[in-house]
Structures are given as structure tokens and as C-alpha cells.
Amino acid sequence: MAKKIKPPILNLTPQQESEATDKIKRFMEDRFELRLGSFEVAEILELFTTEIAPHYYNRAIFDAQTHLKERFESIESDLWALEKP
């Protein structure tokens, strides 16, 4: 049974993908003395963009919602202060 491929949560430009690939290769070699080929690194990058990135994306959305909610509450207070008696 073939594994259903999820679409990535984000799409990198070719330059960003190349930079990410280089960083993964360097990390694996520096940290684990493991030399990976382009295919293996592409698989790792795909794992990050399809399985791990959504967690960071969702957290960023939550943080943005929290920030906006606080900002709107502040604006609402400012508007109430402008109310005439």
C-alpha cells in the first residue's frame, strides 16, 4: 500500500530549498559524522515541510491571534476613552 503524500505546509523557493539542503547536509556531517546524498537530504527536508512545519505554523498562528487579541483590546480601551459624556 503506497503512503499518501501530504502537500507541504510551505513551499520554498529553489534558493531556499538549496540553502536548507546545504544546512541539513552540514548539520548531519558535523553532528553525526554522517554524509548524506541529495536524495536522503531531500527526504529529510520533505519530512520537515510536511510533518514538522505544520506544528510551527500552527503555533505562529496562535501567537499572532494572541497578539492581535491583546492589541484589539487596547484599541477598544482607547476608543472608550474618546467617548464624550
C-alpha atoms as a PDB file:
ATOM      1  CA  MET A   1       0.000   0.000   0.000  1.00  0.00           C
ATOM      2  CA  ALA A   2       1.504   3.317  -1.067  1.00  0.00           C
ATOM      3  CA  LYS A   3       1.840   6.024   1.530  1.00  0.00           C
ATOM      4  CA  LYS A   4      -0.342   9.042   0.825  1.00  0.00           C
ATOM      5  CA  ILE A   5       1.883  12.061   0.328  1.00  0.00           C
ATOM      6  CA  LYS A   6       0.804  15.189   2.188  1.00  0.00           C
ATOM      7  CA  PRO A   7       1.261  18.517   0.478  1.00  0.00           C
ATOM      8  CA  PRO A   8       3.863  20.673   2.216  1.00  0.00           C
ATOM      9  CA  ILE A   9       2.578  23.376   4.551  1.00  0.00           C
ATOM     10  CA  LEU A  10       5.001  25.775   2.919  1.00  0.00           C
ATOM     11  CA  ASN A  11       6.705  25.970  -0.419  1.00  0.00           C
ATOM     12  CA  LEU A  12      10.325  27.012  -0.537  1.00  0.00           C
ATOM     13  CA  THR A  13      11.879  28.856  -3.423  1.00  0.00           C
ATOM     14  CA  PRO A  14      14.598  26.910  -5.224  1.00  0.00           C
ATOM     15  CA  GLN A  15      17.209  29.062  -3.462  1.00  0.00           C
ATOM     16  CA  GLN A  16      15.655  28.448  -0.025  1.00  0.00           C
ATOM     17  CA  GLU A  17      15.462  24.728  -0.740  1.00  0.00           C
ATOM     18  CA  SER A  18      19.114  24.691  -1.773  1.00  0.00           C
ATOM     19  CA  GLU A  19      20.135  26.565   1.382  1.00  0.00           C
ATOM     20  CA  ALA A  20      18.067  24.233   3.569  1.00  0.00           C
ATOM     21  CA  THR A  21      19.572  21.197   1.858  1.00  0.00           C
ATOM     22  CA  ASP A  22      23.089  22.510   2.443  1.00  0.00           C
ATOM     23  CA  LYS A  23      22.327  23.213   6.110  1.00  0.00           C
ATOM     24  CA  ILE A  24      20.913  19.730   6.651  1.00  0.00           C
ATOM     25  CA  LYS A  25      23.936  18.143   4.975  1.00  0.00           C
ATOM     26  CA  ARG A  26      26.348  20.194   7.110  1.00  0.00           C
ATOM     27  CA  PHE A  27      24.408  19.508  10.302  1.00  0.00           C
ATOM     28  CA  MET A  28      24.324  15.760   9.763  1.00  0.00           C
ATOM     29  CA  GLU A  29      28.016  15.674   8.911  1.00  0.00           C
ATOM     30  CA  ASP A  30      29.138  17.973  11.747  1.00  0.00           C
ATOM     31  CA  ARG A  31      26.922  16.499  14.441  1.00  0.00           C
ATOM     32  CA  PHE A  32      26.814  12.835  13.496  1.00  0.00           C
ATOM     33  CA  GLU A  33      29.706  12.442  11.047  1.00  0.00           C
ATOM     34  CA  LEU A  34      27.119  11.215   8.574  1.00  0.00           C
ATOM     35  CA  ARG A  35      27.437  12.087   4.900  1.00  0.00           C
ATOM     36  CA  LEU A  36      24.093  12.088   3.166  1.00  0.00           C
ATOM     37  CA  GLY A  37      23.377  12.257  -0.527  1.00  0.00           C
ATOM     38  CA  SER A  38      20.950  14.618  -2.186  1.00  0.00           C
ATOM     39  CA  PHE A  39      18.142  12.041  -2.173  1.00  0.00           C
ATOM     40  CA  GLU A  40      18.399  11.425   1.583  1.00  0.00           C
ATOM     41  CA  VAL A  41      18.559  15.127   2.361  1.00  0.00           C
ATOM     42  CA  ALA A  42      15.542  15.793   0.124  1.00  0.00           C
ATOM     43  CA  GLU A  43      13.613  13.159   2.102  1.00  0.00           C
ATOM     44  CA  ILE A  44      14.546  14.831   5.398  1.00  0.00           C
ATOM     45  CA  LEU A  45      13.517  18.227   4.050  1.00  0.00           C
ATOM     46  CA  GLU A  46      10.210  16.766   2.866  1.00  0.00           C
ATOM     47  CA  LEU A  47       9.642  15.323   6.349  1.00  0.00           C
ATOM     48  CA  PHE A  48      10.180  18.738   7.875  1.00  0.00           C
ATOM     49  CA  THR A  49       7.929  20.567   5.418  1.00  0.00           C
ATOM     50  CA  THR A  50       5.077  18.050   5.602  1.00  0.00           C
ATOM     51  CA  GLU A  51       5.194  16.696   9.156  1.00  0.00           C
ATOM     52  CA  ILE A  52       7.052  19.142  11.399  1.00  0.00           C
ATOM     53  CA  ALA A  53       6.477  22.582   9.847  1.00  0.00           C
ATOM     54  CA  PRO A  54       2.700  22.439  10.493  1.00  0.00           C
ATOM     55  CA  HIS A  55       3.370  22.420  14.258  1.00  0.00           C
ATOM     56  CA  TYR A  56       5.467  25.588  13.985  1.00  0.00           C
ATOM     57  CA  TYR A  57       2.957  27.153  11.592  1.00  0.00           C
ATOM     58  CA  ASN A  58       0.048  26.472  13.941  1.00  0.00           C
ATOM     59  CA  ARG A  59       1.993  27.867  16.893  1.00  0.00           C
ATOM     60  CA  ALA A  60       2.790  31.021  14.915  1.00  0.00           C
ATOM     61  CA  ILE A  61      -0.913  31.429  14.077  1.00  0.00           C
ATOM     62  CA  PHE A  62      -1.829  31.002  17.760  1.00  0.00           C
ATOM     63  CA  ASP A  63       0.809  33.550  18.812  1.00  0.00           C
ATOM     64  CA  ALA A  64      -0.408  36.024  16.164  1.00  0.00           C
ATOM     65  CA  GLN A  65      -4.019  35.577  17.323  1.00  0.00           C
ATOM     66  CA  THR A  66      -2.989  36.221  20.923  1.00  0.00           C
ATOM     67  CA  HIS A  67      -1.032  39.325  19.952  1.00  0.00           C
ATOM     68  CA  LEU A  68      -3.881  40.692  17.818  1.00  0.00           C
ATOM     69  CA  LYS A  69      -6.451  39.996  20.524  1.00  0.00           C
ATOM     70  CA  GLU A  70      -4.363  41.964  23.038  1.00  0.00           C
ATOM     71  CA  ARG A  71      -3.875  44.782  20.534  1.00  0.00           C
ATOM     72  CA  PHE A  72      -7.597  44.977  19.695  1.00  0.00           C
ATOM     73  CA  GLU A  73      -8.449  45.102  23.402  1.00  0.00           C
ATOM     74  CA  SER A  74      -6.039  48.008  23.768  1.00  0.00           C
ATOM     75  CA  ILE A  75      -7.596  49.807  20.796  1.00  0.00           C
ATOM     76  CA  GLU A  76     -11.062  49.219  22.234  1.00  0.00           C
ATOM     77  CA  SER A  77      -9.964  50.802  25.515  1.00  0.00           C
ATOM     78  CA  ASP A  78      -8.546  53.769  23.614  1.00  0.00           C
ATOM     79  CA  LEU A  79     -11.861  54.194  21.774  1.00  0.00           C
ATOM     80  CA  TRP A  80     -13.866  54.081  25.003  1.00  0.00           C
ATOM     81  CA  ALA A  81     -11.577  56.788  26.399  1.00  0.00           C
ATOM     82  CA  LEU A  82     -12.586  59.042  23.484  1.00  0.00           C
ATOM     83  CA  GLU A  83     -16.284  58.740  24.334  1.00  0.00           C
ATOM     84  CA  LYS A  84     -17.906  62.056  25.258  1.00  0.00           C
ATOM     85  CA  PRO A  85     -20.076  62.363  28.395  1.00  0.00           C
END
